[in-house]
Amino acid sequence: MDDQICVGAIAGAFGVHGEVRLKSFTADPLAIAEYAPLSGDNGTSYDLEISREIKQGFSARLTGVRTKEQADALKGVRLYAPRDRLPSLPDDEYYHADLIGLSVFDTGGVELGQVRAVLNHGASDLLEVIRPGESRTVLLPFTMACVPTVDLASGRLVADPPEGLLD
């Protein structure tokens, strides 16, 4: 799914008439509807109509979903849009999908690991980096100070981690 970007996820049913709770991962959360039809990781394509804003997302109607049971069955389904339908990003912004899998090197060229995930718990993005030959991961702040260089073409980024982070 390299040509697909995850733009949202279904968090379960909302109400009893087939609406779903929708989490949007787009910069403008309402823009998710503009990228429809969306492909679910369950192999189904959905048109969607946002009904209203609710706590932690939106309630939405999806094509083919008419009952609470059908909506409940979709809990956890991730929704993808083709990359070519999404806006181009400025030079200093990246889709999370493009960062996952990149090799991480320090400013001296020593490999620190590989990006396993991009997390955001409200303040800013964190790169979950798995260390080479280890099972532990390190959370690296994804800021210009900590990650001055991202080179998607070569599949790597350069990090200048805070002192003590990798000890």
N, C-alpha and C. Protein backbone atom coordinates (compact mmCIF):
# COMPACT_ATOMS: atom_id res chain seq x y z
N MET A 1 0.82 -1.19 0.00
CA MET A 1 0.00 0.00 0.00
C MET A 1 0.86 1.26 0.00
N ASP A 2 2.00 1.25 -0.71
CA ASP A 2 2.89 2.40 -0.74
C ASP A 2 2.23 3.63 -1.32
N ASP A 3 1.25 3.45 -2.19
CA ASP A 3 0.59 4.59 -2.79
C ASP A 3 -0.64 5.02 -1.99
N GLN A 4 -0.81 4.45 -0.80
CA GLN A 4 -1.94 4.77 0.08
C GLN A 4 -1.43 5.38 1.38
N ILE A 5 -2.15 6.36 1.89
CA ILE A 5 -1.81 7.01 3.15
C ILE A 5 -2.99 6.84 4.10
N CYS A 6 -2.71 6.42 5.32
CA CYS A 6 -3.76 6.26 6.32
C CYS A 6 -4.25 7.65 6.73
N VAL A 7 -5.54 7.90 6.54
CA VAL A 7 -6.12 9.21 6.85
C VAL A 7 -7.11 9.15 8.01
N GLY A 8 -7.43 7.95 8.49
CA GLY A 8 -8.37 7.85 9.59
C GLY A 8 -8.58 6.42 10.04
N ALA A 9 -9.39 6.28 11.08
CA ALA A 9 -9.71 4.95 11.61
C ALA A 9 -11.12 5.00 12.19
N ILE A 10 -11.76 3.85 12.16
CA ILE A 10 -13.09 3.71 12.72
C ILE A 10 -12.95 3.23 14.16
N ALA A 11 -13.58 3.97 15.08
CA ALA A 11 -13.46 3.66 16.50
C ALA A 11 -14.67 2.91 17.04
N GLY A 12 -15.58 2.50 16.15
CA GLY A 12 -16.77 1.75 16.59
C GLY A 12 -18.05 2.43 16.15
N ALA A 13 -19.16 1.95 16.69
CA ALA A 13 -20.47 2.49 16.34
C ALA A 13 -20.75 3.76 17.12
N PHE A 14 -21.59 4.61 16.52
CA PHE A 14 -22.10 5.79 17.21
C PHE A 14 -23.61 5.79 17.04
N GLY A 15 -24.31 5.50 18.10
CA GLY A 15 -25.77 5.43 18.01
C GLY A 15 -26.22 4.06 17.51
N VAL A 16 -27.48 4.00 17.12
CA VAL A 16 -28.08 2.71 16.74
C VAL A 16 -28.49 2.65 15.27
N HIS A 17 -28.15 3.67 14.49
CA HIS A 17 -28.60 3.72 13.10
C HIS A 17 -27.48 3.54 12.08
N GLY A 18 -26.37 2.92 12.49
CA GLY A 18 -25.31 2.60 11.55
C GLY A 18 -24.23 3.65 11.40
N GLU A 19 -24.27 4.71 12.20
CA GLU A 19 -23.18 5.68 12.13
C GLU A 19 -21.96 5.12 12.86
N VAL A 20 -20.79 5.60 12.45
CA VAL A 20 -19.55 5.16 13.08
C VAL A 20 -18.87 6.35 13.75
N ARG A 21 -18.03 6.03 14.75
CA ARG A 21 -17.12 7.02 15.32
C ARG A 21 -15.89 7.03 14.43
N LEU A 22 -15.52 8.19 13.96
CA LEU A 22 -14.42 8.31 13.02
C LEU A 22 -13.33 9.18 13.61
N LYS A 23 -12.11 8.66 13.62
CA LYS A 23 -10.93 9.44 14.01
C LYS A 23 -10.24 9.87 12.72
N SER A 24 -10.02 11.16 12.58
CA SER A 24 -9.35 11.68 11.39
C SER A 24 -7.89 11.97 11.71
N PHE A 25 -7.00 11.57 10.81
CA PHE A 25 -5.58 11.81 10.98
C PHE A 25 -5.07 12.91 10.04
N THR A 26 -5.99 13.62 9.39
CA THR A 26 -5.59 14.67 8.45
C THR A 26 -5.33 15.97 9.20
N ALA A 27 -4.50 16.85 8.64
CA ALA A 27 -4.17 18.12 9.29
C ALA A 27 -5.44 18.92 9.59
N ASP A 28 -6.33 19.00 8.64
CA ASP A 28 -7.66 19.57 8.86
C ASP A 28 -8.59 18.36 9.01
N PRO A 29 -9.01 18.04 10.22
CA PRO A 29 -9.77 16.81 10.45
C PRO A 29 -11.00 16.64 9.55
N LEU A 30 -11.69 17.72 9.21
CA LEU A 30 -12.86 17.62 8.33
C LEU A 30 -12.50 17.25 6.89
N ALA A 31 -11.26 17.48 6.50
CA ALA A 31 -10.83 17.22 5.13
C ALA A 31 -10.88 15.75 4.76
N ILE A 32 -10.97 14.86 5.74
CA ILE A 32 -11.00 13.43 5.44
C ILE A 32 -12.11 13.09 4.45
N ALA A 33 -13.23 13.78 4.54
CA ALA A 33 -14.36 13.51 3.64
C ALA A 33 -14.03 13.87 2.19
N GLU A 34 -13.12 14.82 1.99
CA GLU A 34 -12.74 15.24 0.64
C GLU A 34 -11.94 14.17 -0.10
N TYR A 35 -11.36 13.23 0.63
CA TYR A 35 -10.51 12.23 0.02
C TYR A 35 -11.25 10.94 -0.31
N ALA A 36 -12.54 10.89 0.00
CA ALA A 36 -13.35 9.69 -0.27
C ALA A 36 -13.50 9.51 -1.78
N PRO A 37 -13.67 8.26 -2.23
CA PRO A 37 -13.84 7.05 -1.43
C PRO A 37 -12.52 6.61 -0.80
N LEU A 38 -12.64 6.06 0.41
CA LEU A 38 -11.48 5.59 1.17
C LEU A 38 -11.46 4.08 1.17
N SER A 39 -10.26 3.52 1.17
CA SER A 39 -10.10 2.07 1.21
C SER A 39 -9.85 1.63 2.64
N GLY A 40 -10.65 0.70 3.13
CA GLY A 40 -10.43 0.15 4.45
C GLY A 40 -9.39 -0.95 4.40
N ASP A 41 -8.67 -1.16 5.49
CA ASP A 41 -7.71 -2.25 5.51
C ASP A 41 -8.41 -3.61 5.62
N ASN A 42 -9.73 -3.59 5.57
CA ASN A 42 -10.53 -4.82 5.51
C ASN A 42 -10.89 -5.17 4.07
N GLY A 43 -10.37 -4.42 3.09
CA GLY A 43 -10.60 -4.72 1.69
C GLY A 43 -11.84 -4.07 1.10
N THR A 44 -12.53 -3.23 1.84
CA THR A 44 -13.76 -2.59 1.36
C THR A 44 -13.51 -1.11 1.13
N SER A 45 -14.17 -0.55 0.13
CA SER A 45 -14.08 0.87 -0.17
C SER A 45 -15.33 1.57 0.37
N TYR A 46 -15.14 2.77 0.91
CA TYR A 46 -16.25 3.49 1.54
C TYR A 46 -16.31 4.95 1.07
N ASP A 47 -17.51 5.39 0.73
CA ASP A 47 -17.78 6.82 0.65
C ASP A 47 -18.19 7.20 2.06
N LEU A 48 -17.93 8.42 2.45
CA LEU A 48 -18.33 8.79 3.79
C LEU A 48 -18.90 10.18 3.82
N GLU A 49 -19.79 10.37 4.77
CA GLU A 49 -20.42 11.67 5.00
C GLU A 49 -20.33 11.94 6.50
N ILE A 50 -19.68 13.02 6.85
CA ILE A 50 -19.56 13.37 8.26
C ILE A 50 -20.88 13.95 8.74
N SER A 51 -21.39 13.41 9.84
CA SER A 51 -22.66 13.88 10.39
C SER A 51 -22.46 15.06 11.32
N ARG A 52 -21.55 14.89 12.27
CA ARG A 52 -21.30 15.96 13.25
C ARG A 52 -20.01 15.66 13.99
N GLU A 53 -19.52 16.71 14.67
CA GLU A 53 -18.33 16.55 15.50
C GLU A 53 -18.76 15.96 16.84
N ILE A 54 -17.98 15.01 17.33
CA ILE A 54 -18.22 14.40 18.64
C ILE A 54 -16.89 14.39 19.39
N LYS A 55 -16.94 14.00 20.64
CA LYS A 55 -15.71 13.94 21.44
C LYS A 55 -14.71 13.00 20.76
N GLN A 56 -13.51 13.47 20.55
CA GLN A 56 -12.41 12.71 19.94
C GLN A 56 -12.69 12.26 18.52
N GLY A 57 -13.40 13.08 17.73
CA GLY A 57 -13.59 12.73 16.33
C GLY A 57 -14.91 13.20 15.76
N PHE A 58 -15.47 12.37 14.90
CA PHE A 58 -16.71 12.69 14.21
C PHE A 58 -17.62 11.48 14.20
N SER A 59 -18.90 11.73 14.05
CA SER A 59 -19.80 10.64 13.69
C SER A 59 -19.96 10.74 12.18
N ALA A 60 -20.01 9.60 11.53
CA ALA A 60 -20.07 9.60 10.07
C ALA A 60 -20.89 8.42 9.57
N ARG A 61 -21.40 8.58 8.38
CA ARG A 61 -22.11 7.50 7.69
C ARG A 61 -21.20 6.97 6.60
N LEU A 62 -21.10 5.66 6.51
CA LEU A 62 -20.30 5.01 5.47
C LEU A 62 -21.24 4.24 4.56
N THR A 63 -20.91 4.19 3.27
CA THR A 63 -21.73 3.43 2.34
C THR A 63 -21.78 1.97 2.78
N GLY A 64 -22.98 1.41 2.73
CA GLY A 64 -23.16 0.00 3.04
C GLY A 64 -23.30 -0.32 4.52
N VAL A 65 -23.20 0.68 5.38
CA VAL A 65 -23.30 0.45 6.82
C VAL A 65 -24.62 1.06 7.30
N ARG A 66 -25.55 0.19 7.69
CA ARG A 66 -26.90 0.65 8.05
C ARG A 66 -27.30 0.31 9.48
N THR A 67 -26.58 -0.59 10.14
CA THR A 67 -26.99 -1.01 11.48
C THR A 67 -25.85 -0.81 12.48
N LYS A 68 -26.22 -0.76 13.74
CA LYS A 68 -25.23 -0.65 14.80
C LYS A 68 -24.27 -1.83 14.76
N GLU A 69 -24.78 -3.02 14.49
CA GLU A 69 -23.95 -4.22 14.45
C GLU A 69 -22.91 -4.13 13.33
N GLN A 70 -23.33 -3.63 12.16
CA GLN A 70 -22.38 -3.46 11.06
C GLN A 70 -21.31 -2.43 11.43
N ALA A 71 -21.72 -1.34 12.08
CA ALA A 71 -20.77 -0.31 12.50
C ALA A 71 -19.81 -0.85 13.56
N ASP A 72 -20.34 -1.61 14.53
CA ASP A 72 -19.48 -2.20 15.57
C ASP A 72 -18.43 -3.13 14.97
N ALA A 73 -18.82 -3.86 13.92
CA ALA A 73 -17.90 -4.82 13.30
C ALA A 73 -16.72 -4.12 12.61
N LEU A 74 -16.83 -2.82 12.37
CA LEU A 74 -15.76 -2.08 11.68
C LEU A 74 -14.77 -1.44 12.65
N LYS A 75 -14.98 -1.62 13.94
CA LYS A 75 -14.08 -1.02 14.93
C LYS A 75 -12.64 -1.44 14.66
N GLY A 76 -11.76 -0.45 14.58
CA GLY A 76 -10.35 -0.71 14.33
C GLY A 76 -9.93 -0.68 12.87
N VAL A 77 -10.89 -0.61 11.95
CA VAL A 77 -10.54 -0.56 10.52
C VAL A 77 -9.88 0.78 10.23
N ARG A 78 -8.74 0.72 9.59
CA ARG A 78 -8.02 1.93 9.20
C ARG A 78 -8.42 2.29 7.78
N LEU A 79 -8.54 3.58 7.51
CA LEU A 79 -9.00 4.08 6.22
C LEU A 79 -7.86 4.78 5.49
N TYR A 80 -7.73 4.46 4.21
CA TYR A 80 -6.62 4.96 3.39
C TYR A 80 -7.13 5.72 2.18
N ALA A 81 -6.36 6.74 1.80
CA ALA A 81 -6.63 7.50 0.58
C ALA A 81 -5.42 7.38 -0.33
N PRO A 82 -5.64 7.38 -1.64
CA PRO A 82 -4.49 7.36 -2.56
C PRO A 82 -3.64 8.62 -2.36
N ARG A 83 -2.34 8.43 -2.36
CA ARG A 83 -1.40 9.54 -2.16
C ARG A 83 -1.66 10.68 -3.14
N ASP A 84 -2.03 10.37 -4.38
CA ASP A 84 -2.21 11.44 -5.37
C ASP A 84 -3.44 12.31 -5.12
N ARG A 85 -4.33 11.89 -4.22
CA ARG A 85 -5.49 12.72 -3.85
C ARG A 85 -5.16 13.67 -2.69
N LEU A 86 -4.05 13.45 -2.04
CA LEU A 86 -3.67 14.26 -0.88
C LEU A 86 -2.84 15.46 -1.34
N PRO A 87 -2.85 16.52 -0.55
CA PRO A 87 -2.09 17.71 -0.94
C PRO A 87 -0.58 17.48 -0.87
N SER A 88 0.14 18.20 -1.70
CA SER A 88 1.61 18.18 -1.62
C SER A 88 2.00 18.90 -0.34
N LEU A 89 3.09 18.45 0.25
CA LEU A 89 3.54 19.03 1.51
C LEU A 89 4.72 19.95 1.30
N PRO A 90 4.86 20.96 2.17
CA PRO A 90 6.07 21.79 2.10
C PRO A 90 7.30 20.93 2.39
N ASP A 91 8.48 21.48 2.09
CA ASP A 91 9.73 20.73 2.23
C ASP A 91 9.99 20.23 3.64
N ASP A 92 9.47 20.90 4.67
CA ASP A 92 9.78 20.51 6.04
C ASP A 92 8.65 19.72 6.71
N GLU A 93 7.70 19.20 5.92
CA GLU A 93 6.61 18.38 6.45
C GLU A 93 6.60 17.04 5.72
N TYR A 94 6.16 16.00 6.45
CA TYR A 94 6.22 14.64 5.91
C TYR A 94 4.98 13.87 6.32
N TYR A 95 4.55 12.96 5.47
CA TYR A 95 3.52 12.01 5.87
C TYR A 95 4.17 10.98 6.77
N HIS A 96 3.49 10.60 7.83
CA HIS A 96 4.04 9.61 8.77
C HIS A 96 4.47 8.35 8.04
N ALA A 97 3.68 7.93 7.06
CA ALA A 97 3.99 6.70 6.31
C ALA A 97 5.35 6.78 5.62
N ASP A 98 5.79 7.99 5.27
CA ASP A 98 7.09 8.15 4.61
C ASP A 98 8.25 8.05 5.59
N LEU A 99 8.00 8.31 6.86
CA LEU A 99 9.07 8.27 7.86
C LEU A 99 9.30 6.87 8.41
N ILE A 100 8.24 6.06 8.46
CA ILE A 100 8.35 4.71 9.01
C ILE A 100 9.28 3.87 8.13
N GLY A 101 10.24 3.25 8.75
CA GLY A 101 11.20 2.42 8.03
C GLY A 101 12.51 3.12 7.69
N LEU A 102 12.57 4.43 7.88
CA LEU A 102 13.82 5.14 7.59
C LEU A 102 14.91 4.74 8.58
N SER A 103 16.13 4.66 8.11
CA SER A 103 17.28 4.43 8.97
C SER A 103 17.63 5.73 9.67
N VAL A 104 18.05 5.62 10.92
CA VAL A 104 18.39 6.80 11.72
C VAL A 104 19.89 6.76 12.02
N PHE A 105 20.57 7.86 11.69
CA PHE A 105 22.01 7.98 11.92
C PHE A 105 22.26 9.21 12.78
N ASP A 106 23.32 9.16 13.58
CA ASP A 106 23.67 10.36 14.34
C ASP A 106 24.48 11.29 13.43
N THR A 107 24.84 12.45 13.94
CA THR A 107 25.54 13.43 13.12
C THR A 107 26.94 12.98 12.72
N GLY A 108 27.46 11.95 13.39
CA GLY A 108 28.76 11.39 13.03
C GLY A 108 28.67 10.22 12.06
N GLY A 109 27.45 9.84 11.65
CA GLY A 109 27.26 8.76 10.70
C GLY A 109 27.07 7.39 11.32
N VAL A 110 26.96 7.31 12.64
CA VAL A 110 26.75 6.03 13.32
C VAL A 110 25.26 5.71 13.30
N GLU A 111 24.94 4.46 12.92
CA GLU A 111 23.53 4.08 12.85
C GLU A 111 22.95 3.95 14.26
N LEU A 112 21.82 4.61 14.48
CA LEU A 112 21.14 4.58 15.77
C LEU A 112 19.95 3.62 15.77
N GLY A 113 19.44 3.31 14.59
CA GLY A 113 18.30 2.41 14.50
C GLY A 113 17.43 2.70 13.30
N GLN A 114 16.15 2.32 13.43
CA GLN A 114 15.20 2.47 12.34
C GLN A 114 13.88 2.95 12.92
N VAL A 115 13.21 3.84 12.20
CA VAL A 115 11.92 4.37 12.66
C VAL A 115 10.87 3.27 12.56
N ARG A 116 10.29 2.92 13.69
CA ARG A 116 9.24 1.89 13.75
C ARG A 116 7.85 2.51 13.64
N ALA A 117 7.67 3.69 14.26
CA ALA A 117 6.36 4.34 14.25
C ALA A 117 6.53 5.83 14.50
N VAL A 118 5.51 6.58 14.15
CA VAL A 118 5.44 8.01 14.47
C VAL A 118 4.26 8.17 15.41
N LEU A 119 4.52 8.71 16.59
CA LEU A 119 3.49 8.85 17.62
C LEU A 119 3.23 10.32 17.89
N ASN A 120 2.00 10.62 18.27
CA ASN A 120 1.68 11.98 18.67
C ASN A 120 0.67 11.89 19.80
N HIS A 121 1.07 12.31 20.96
CA HIS A 121 0.20 12.27 22.13
C HIS A 121 -0.24 13.67 22.54
N GLY A 122 -0.25 14.59 21.59
CA GLY A 122 -0.77 15.91 21.86
C GLY A 122 0.23 17.05 21.72
N ALA A 123 1.44 16.87 22.17
CA ALA A 123 2.39 17.98 22.15
C ALA A 123 3.09 18.10 20.79
N SER A 124 3.76 17.05 20.37
CA SER A 124 4.44 17.03 19.08
C SER A 124 4.71 15.59 18.70
N ASP A 125 5.18 15.41 17.48
CA ASP A 125 5.45 14.06 17.01
C ASP A 125 6.70 13.49 17.68
N LEU A 126 6.66 12.18 17.92
CA LEU A 126 7.79 11.43 18.43
C LEU A 126 8.07 10.29 17.47
N LEU A 127 9.33 10.06 17.18
CA LEU A 127 9.72 8.92 16.36
C LEU A 127 10.07 7.77 17.30
N GLU A 128 9.41 6.64 17.12
CA GLU A 128 9.78 5.44 17.87
C GLU A 128 10.87 4.75 17.07
N VAL A 129 12.07 4.72 17.64
CA VAL A 129 13.24 4.19 16.95
C VAL A 129 13.65 2.89 17.63
N ILE A 130 13.72 1.82 16.82
CA ILE A 130 14.20 0.54 17.35
C ILE A 130 15.71 0.50 17.15
N ARG A 131 16.40 0.20 18.23
CA ARG A 131 17.86 0.18 18.22
C ARG A 131 18.36 -1.08 17.51
N PRO A 132 19.48 -1.00 16.78
CA PRO A 132 20.00 -2.17 16.08
C PRO A 132 20.43 -3.26 17.06
N GLY A 133 19.97 -4.48 16.81
CA GLY A 133 20.34 -5.62 17.63
C GLY A 133 19.67 -5.65 18.99
N GLU A 134 18.69 -4.78 19.22
CA GLU A 134 18.00 -4.73 20.50
C GLU A 134 16.50 -4.81 20.28
N SER A 135 15.78 -5.15 21.32
CA SER A 135 14.32 -5.16 21.22
C SER A 135 13.72 -3.87 21.78
N ARG A 136 14.53 -3.09 22.48
CA ARG A 136 14.00 -1.86 23.07
C ARG A 136 13.91 -0.75 22.02
N THR A 137 13.01 0.16 22.30
CA THR A 137 12.87 1.31 21.42
C THR A 137 13.14 2.58 22.22
N VAL A 138 13.41 3.65 21.48
CA VAL A 138 13.66 4.97 22.06
C VAL A 138 12.69 5.93 21.38
N LEU A 139 12.14 6.86 22.14
CA LEU A 139 11.27 7.90 21.57
C LEU A 139 12.09 9.16 21.34
N LEU A 140 12.23 9.52 20.08
CA LEU A 140 13.03 10.66 19.67
C LEU A 140 12.09 11.79 19.25
N PRO A 141 12.20 12.97 19.89
CA PRO A 141 11.35 14.09 19.48
C PRO A 141 11.61 14.43 18.01
N PHE A 142 10.53 14.58 17.25
CA PHE A 142 10.67 14.91 15.83
C PHE A 142 10.61 16.43 15.68
N THR A 143 11.73 17.05 16.05
CA THR A 143 11.87 18.50 15.96
C THR A 143 13.09 18.79 15.10
N MET A 144 13.21 20.03 14.64
CA MET A 144 14.37 20.42 13.84
C MET A 144 15.66 20.28 14.65
N ALA A 145 15.59 20.51 15.96
CA ALA A 145 16.77 20.41 16.80
C ALA A 145 17.24 18.96 16.92
N CYS A 146 16.31 18.03 17.05
CA CYS A 146 16.67 16.61 17.24
C CYS A 146 16.82 15.86 15.93
N VAL A 147 16.12 16.30 14.90
CA VAL A 147 16.20 15.63 13.60
C VAL A 147 16.40 16.71 12.53
N PRO A 148 17.66 17.17 12.38
CA PRO A 148 17.90 18.26 11.44
C PRO A 148 17.79 17.89 9.97
N THR A 149 17.93 16.59 9.65
CA THR A 149 17.93 16.18 8.25
C THR A 149 17.05 14.97 8.02
N VAL A 150 16.14 15.10 7.05
CA VAL A 150 15.33 13.96 6.60
C VAL A 150 15.59 13.83 5.10
N ASP A 151 16.08 12.67 4.70
CA ASP A 151 16.39 12.42 3.29
C ASP A 151 15.58 11.22 2.84
N LEU A 152 14.39 11.49 2.33
CA LEU A 152 13.51 10.40 1.91
C LEU A 152 14.10 9.63 0.73
N ALA A 153 14.78 10.33 -0.16
CA ALA A 153 15.34 9.68 -1.35
C ALA A 153 16.34 8.60 -0.98
N SER A 154 17.14 8.83 0.06
CA SER A 154 18.13 7.83 0.45
C SER A 154 17.63 6.95 1.59
N GLY A 155 16.42 7.20 2.08
CA GLY A 155 15.84 6.35 3.12
C GLY A 155 16.48 6.51 4.48
N ARG A 156 16.87 7.75 4.82
CA ARG A 156 17.55 7.95 6.09
C ARG A 156 17.24 9.32 6.66
N LEU A 157 17.47 9.43 7.96
CA LEU A 157 17.41 10.73 8.60
C LEU A 157 18.59 10.84 9.56
N VAL A 158 18.98 12.08 9.81
CA VAL A 158 20.09 12.35 10.72
C VAL A 158 19.50 12.92 11.99
N ALA A 159 19.92 12.34 13.11
CA ALA A 159 19.39 12.76 14.42
C ALA A 159 20.52 13.29 15.30
N ASP A 160 20.17 14.25 16.10
CA ASP A 160 21.06 14.79 17.12
C ASP A 160 20.29 14.67 18.44
N PRO A 161 20.22 13.44 18.99
CA PRO A 161 19.37 13.20 20.16
C PRO A 161 19.85 13.94 21.40
N PRO A 162 18.91 14.28 22.28
CA PRO A 162 19.30 14.92 23.54
C PRO A 162 20.27 14.02 24.31
N GLU A 163 21.17 14.63 25.05
CA GLU A 163 22.17 13.88 25.81
C GLU A 163 21.48 12.91 26.77
N GLY A 164 21.95 11.69 26.81
CA GLY A 164 21.42 10.66 27.71
C GLY A 164 20.25 9.88 27.17
N LEU A 165 19.68 10.28 26.03
CA LEU A 165 18.52 9.58 25.50
C LEU A 165 18.82 8.15 25.10
N LEU A 166 19.99 7.91 24.57
CA LEU A 166 20.33 6.59 24.05
C LEU A 166 21.14 5.74 25.02
N ASP A 167 21.36 6.22 26.23
CA ASP A 167 22.14 5.48 27.22
C ASP A 167 21.33 4.34 27.82
